[in-house]
């Protein structure tokens, strides 16, 4: 659920890449942004206070916030 230009050749997310066409993410429905937000919410409940895994979740929440700011 990322634009192609945010994925490296190795398949990793390049979270620092923010300038590009975001229209690919403007999709309503169950597989849209709300679905991703719900996944992050439940993942956060699961890893709450769980050390290293929690740090990974925080990074994705920060990236999700930046993406939402670019979509507005």
N, C-alpha and C. Protein backbone atom coordinates (compact mmCIF):
# COMPACT_ATOMS: atom_id res chain seq x y z
N UNK A 1 0.83 -1.18 0.00
CA UNK A 1 0.00 0.00 0.00
C UNK A 1 0.88 1.25 0.00
N UNK A 2 1.88 1.22 -0.86
CA UNK A 2 2.81 2.34 -1.00
C UNK A 2 2.95 2.65 -2.48
N UNK A 3 3.17 3.91 -2.81
CA UNK A 3 3.50 4.23 -4.20
C UNK A 3 4.82 3.55 -4.56
N UNK A 4 4.96 3.15 -5.81
CA UNK A 4 6.17 2.47 -6.27
C UNK A 4 7.44 3.26 -5.97
N UNK A 5 7.35 4.58 -6.03
CA UNK A 5 8.54 5.41 -5.85
C UNK A 5 9.01 5.46 -4.39
N UNK A 6 8.26 4.89 -3.47
CA UNK A 6 8.69 4.82 -2.05
C UNK A 6 9.30 3.48 -1.70
N UNK A 7 9.38 2.56 -2.66
CA UNK A 7 9.92 1.23 -2.43
C UNK A 7 11.27 1.11 -3.14
N UNK A 8 12.29 0.68 -2.38
CA UNK A 8 13.63 0.53 -2.96
C UNK A 8 13.66 -0.70 -3.87
N UNK A 9 14.75 -0.84 -4.61
CA UNK A 9 14.92 -2.01 -5.48
C UNK A 9 14.95 -3.30 -4.68
N UNK A 10 15.35 -3.22 -3.40
CA UNK A 10 15.40 -4.39 -2.53
C UNK A 10 14.03 -4.68 -1.90
N UNK A 11 13.05 -3.82 -2.13
CA UNK A 11 11.70 -4.02 -1.59
C UNK A 11 11.46 -3.37 -0.24
N UNK A 12 12.40 -2.53 0.21
CA UNK A 12 12.25 -1.85 1.50
C UNK A 12 11.56 -0.50 1.33
N UNK A 13 10.84 -0.10 2.37
CA UNK A 13 10.20 1.21 2.38
C UNK A 13 11.25 2.31 2.56
N UNK A 14 11.20 3.30 1.71
CA UNK A 14 12.07 4.47 1.84
C UNK A 14 11.23 5.58 2.46
N UNK A 15 11.16 5.59 3.79
CA UNK A 15 10.26 6.51 4.48
C UNK A 15 10.66 7.96 4.30
N UNK A 16 11.91 8.23 3.95
CA UNK A 16 12.34 9.61 3.73
C UNK A 16 11.85 10.18 2.42
N UNK A 17 11.38 9.33 1.51
CA UNK A 17 10.86 9.78 0.22
C UNK A 17 9.42 10.26 0.40
N UNK A 18 9.23 11.56 0.25
CA UNK A 18 7.89 12.13 0.46
C UNK A 18 7.38 12.93 -0.73
N UNK A 19 8.26 13.22 -1.67
CA UNK A 19 7.86 14.03 -2.83
C UNK A 19 7.57 13.13 -4.01
N UNK A 20 6.32 13.10 -4.40
CA UNK A 20 5.90 12.27 -5.52
C UNK A 20 4.39 12.31 -5.65
N UNK A 21 3.86 11.46 -6.50
CA UNK A 21 2.42 11.40 -6.75
C UNK A 21 1.76 10.50 -5.71
N UNK A 22 0.93 11.09 -4.86
CA UNK A 22 0.25 10.36 -3.80
C UNK A 22 -1.13 9.85 -4.21
N UNK A 23 -1.57 10.13 -5.42
CA UNK A 23 -2.93 9.77 -5.84
C UNK A 23 -3.21 8.28 -5.74
N UNK A 24 -2.18 7.45 -5.84
CA UNK A 24 -2.36 6.00 -5.76
C UNK A 24 -2.93 5.59 -4.40
N UNK A 25 -2.75 6.41 -3.36
CA UNK A 25 -3.25 6.09 -2.03
C UNK A 25 -4.65 6.64 -1.76
N UNK A 26 -5.20 7.40 -2.67
CA UNK A 26 -6.53 7.97 -2.46
C UNK A 26 -7.58 6.97 -2.90
N UNK A 27 -7.81 5.97 -2.02
CA UNK A 27 -8.77 4.91 -2.31
C UNK A 27 -9.71 4.75 -1.12
N UNK A 28 -10.98 4.97 -1.33
CA UNK A 28 -11.95 4.78 -0.25
C UNK A 28 -12.26 3.30 -0.06
N UNK A 29 -12.94 2.98 0.99
CA UNK A 29 -13.40 1.61 1.21
C UNK A 29 -12.58 0.86 2.24
N UNK A 30 -12.84 -0.43 2.35
CA UNK A 30 -12.21 -1.27 3.37
C UNK A 30 -10.70 -1.37 3.21
N UNK A 31 -10.19 -1.24 2.03
CA UNK A 31 -8.75 -1.36 1.81
C UNK A 31 -8.08 0.00 1.71
N UNK A 32 -8.73 1.03 2.17
CA UNK A 32 -8.18 2.38 2.09
C UNK A 32 -7.40 2.77 3.33
N UNK A 33 -7.22 4.07 3.48
CA UNK A 33 -6.44 4.63 4.58
C UNK A 33 -7.02 4.25 5.94
N UNK A 34 -8.32 4.23 6.06
CA UNK A 34 -8.93 3.89 7.34
C UNK A 34 -8.56 2.47 7.77
N UNK A 35 -8.50 1.55 6.82
CA UNK A 35 -8.10 0.18 7.13
C UNK A 35 -6.67 0.13 7.66
N UNK A 36 -5.78 0.91 7.07
CA UNK A 36 -4.39 0.96 7.53
C UNK A 36 -4.32 1.55 8.94
N UNK A 37 -5.12 2.57 9.21
CA UNK A 37 -5.15 3.18 10.53
C UNK A 37 -5.64 2.19 11.59
N UNK A 38 -6.65 1.42 11.26
CA UNK A 38 -7.18 0.41 12.19
C UNK A 38 -6.11 -0.65 12.47
N UNK A 39 -5.38 -1.07 11.44
CA UNK A 39 -4.29 -2.04 11.64
C UNK A 39 -3.23 -1.49 12.57
N UNK A 40 -2.84 -0.24 12.38
CA UNK A 40 -1.85 0.38 13.26
C UNK A 40 -2.36 0.46 14.70
N UNK A 41 -3.63 0.75 14.85
CA UNK A 41 -4.22 0.83 16.19
C UNK A 41 -4.11 -0.51 16.93
N UNK A 42 -4.56 -1.58 16.25
CA UNK A 42 -4.54 -2.89 16.91
C UNK A 42 -3.12 -3.41 17.09
N UNK A 43 -2.23 -3.10 16.17
CA UNK A 43 -0.83 -3.47 16.33
C UNK A 43 -0.26 -2.74 17.55
N UNK A 44 -0.60 -1.48 17.71
CA UNK A 44 -0.15 -0.71 18.87
C UNK A 44 -0.64 -1.28 20.18
N UNK A 45 -1.88 -1.75 20.20
CA UNK A 45 -2.39 -2.40 21.42
C UNK A 45 -1.60 -3.66 21.74
N UNK A 46 -1.24 -4.40 20.72
CA UNK A 46 -0.52 -5.66 20.91
C UNK A 46 0.90 -5.44 21.42
N UNK A 47 1.58 -4.45 20.90
CA UNK A 47 2.99 -4.26 21.25
C UNK A 47 3.22 -3.22 22.34
N UNK A 48 2.16 -2.69 22.89
CA UNK A 48 2.28 -1.66 23.91
C UNK A 48 3.25 -2.09 25.02
N UNK A 49 4.30 -1.31 25.16
CA UNK A 49 5.29 -1.59 26.19
C UNK A 49 6.18 -2.79 25.91
N UNK A 50 6.30 -3.17 24.62
CA UNK A 50 7.04 -4.39 24.29
C UNK A 50 8.40 -4.08 23.66
N UNK A 51 9.11 -3.11 24.16
CA UNK A 51 10.49 -2.82 23.78
C UNK A 51 10.73 -2.59 22.31
N UNK A 52 11.59 -3.41 21.73
CA UNK A 52 12.07 -3.22 20.36
C UNK A 52 10.93 -3.23 19.33
N UNK A 53 10.01 -4.16 19.45
CA UNK A 53 8.91 -4.22 18.48
C UNK A 53 8.08 -2.95 18.55
N UNK A 54 7.96 -2.35 19.72
CA UNK A 54 7.19 -1.13 19.88
C UNK A 54 7.84 0.03 19.14
N UNK A 55 9.18 0.06 19.13
CA UNK A 55 9.90 1.12 18.41
C UNK A 55 9.61 1.05 16.92
N UNK A 56 9.53 -0.14 16.35
CA UNK A 56 9.20 -0.28 14.94
C UNK A 56 7.81 0.25 14.64
N UNK A 57 6.90 0.01 15.54
CA UNK A 57 5.53 0.50 15.38
C UNK A 57 5.51 2.02 15.40
N UNK A 58 6.27 2.62 16.32
CA UNK A 58 6.30 4.08 16.41
C UNK A 58 6.82 4.69 15.11
N UNK A 59 7.83 4.09 14.50
CA UNK A 59 8.36 4.59 13.23
C UNK A 59 7.32 4.56 12.13
N UNK A 60 6.52 3.50 12.09
CA UNK A 60 5.48 3.42 11.07
C UNK A 60 4.35 4.41 11.34
N UNK A 61 4.06 4.67 12.60
CA UNK A 61 3.04 5.67 12.92
C UNK A 61 3.53 7.05 12.48
N UNK A 62 4.80 7.35 12.69
CA UNK A 62 5.35 8.63 12.22
C UNK A 62 5.27 8.73 10.71
N UNK A 63 5.61 7.65 10.00
CA UNK A 63 5.54 7.66 8.54
C UNK A 63 4.10 7.82 8.08
N UNK A 64 3.17 7.12 8.73
CA UNK A 64 1.76 7.22 8.39
C UNK A 64 1.27 8.66 8.55
N UNK A 65 1.71 9.32 9.61
CA UNK A 65 1.34 10.72 9.84
C UNK A 65 1.86 11.61 8.73
N UNK A 66 3.10 11.42 8.31
CA UNK A 66 3.67 12.20 7.22
C UNK A 66 2.91 11.97 5.91
N UNK A 67 2.55 10.72 5.66
CA UNK A 67 1.79 10.40 4.44
C UNK A 67 0.44 11.12 4.48
N UNK A 68 -0.26 11.06 5.61
CA UNK A 68 -1.54 11.75 5.71
C UNK A 68 -1.41 13.25 5.49
N UNK A 69 -0.34 13.84 5.99
CA UNK A 69 -0.11 15.27 5.77
C UNK A 69 0.08 15.58 4.30
N UNK A 70 0.71 14.69 3.56
CA UNK A 70 0.90 14.91 2.12
C UNK A 70 -0.37 14.65 1.32
N UNK A 71 -1.26 13.84 1.86
CA UNK A 71 -2.51 13.58 1.17
C UNK A 71 -3.52 14.70 1.31
N UNK A 72 -3.36 15.50 2.37
CA UNK A 72 -4.33 16.58 2.63
C UNK A 72 -4.16 17.70 1.64
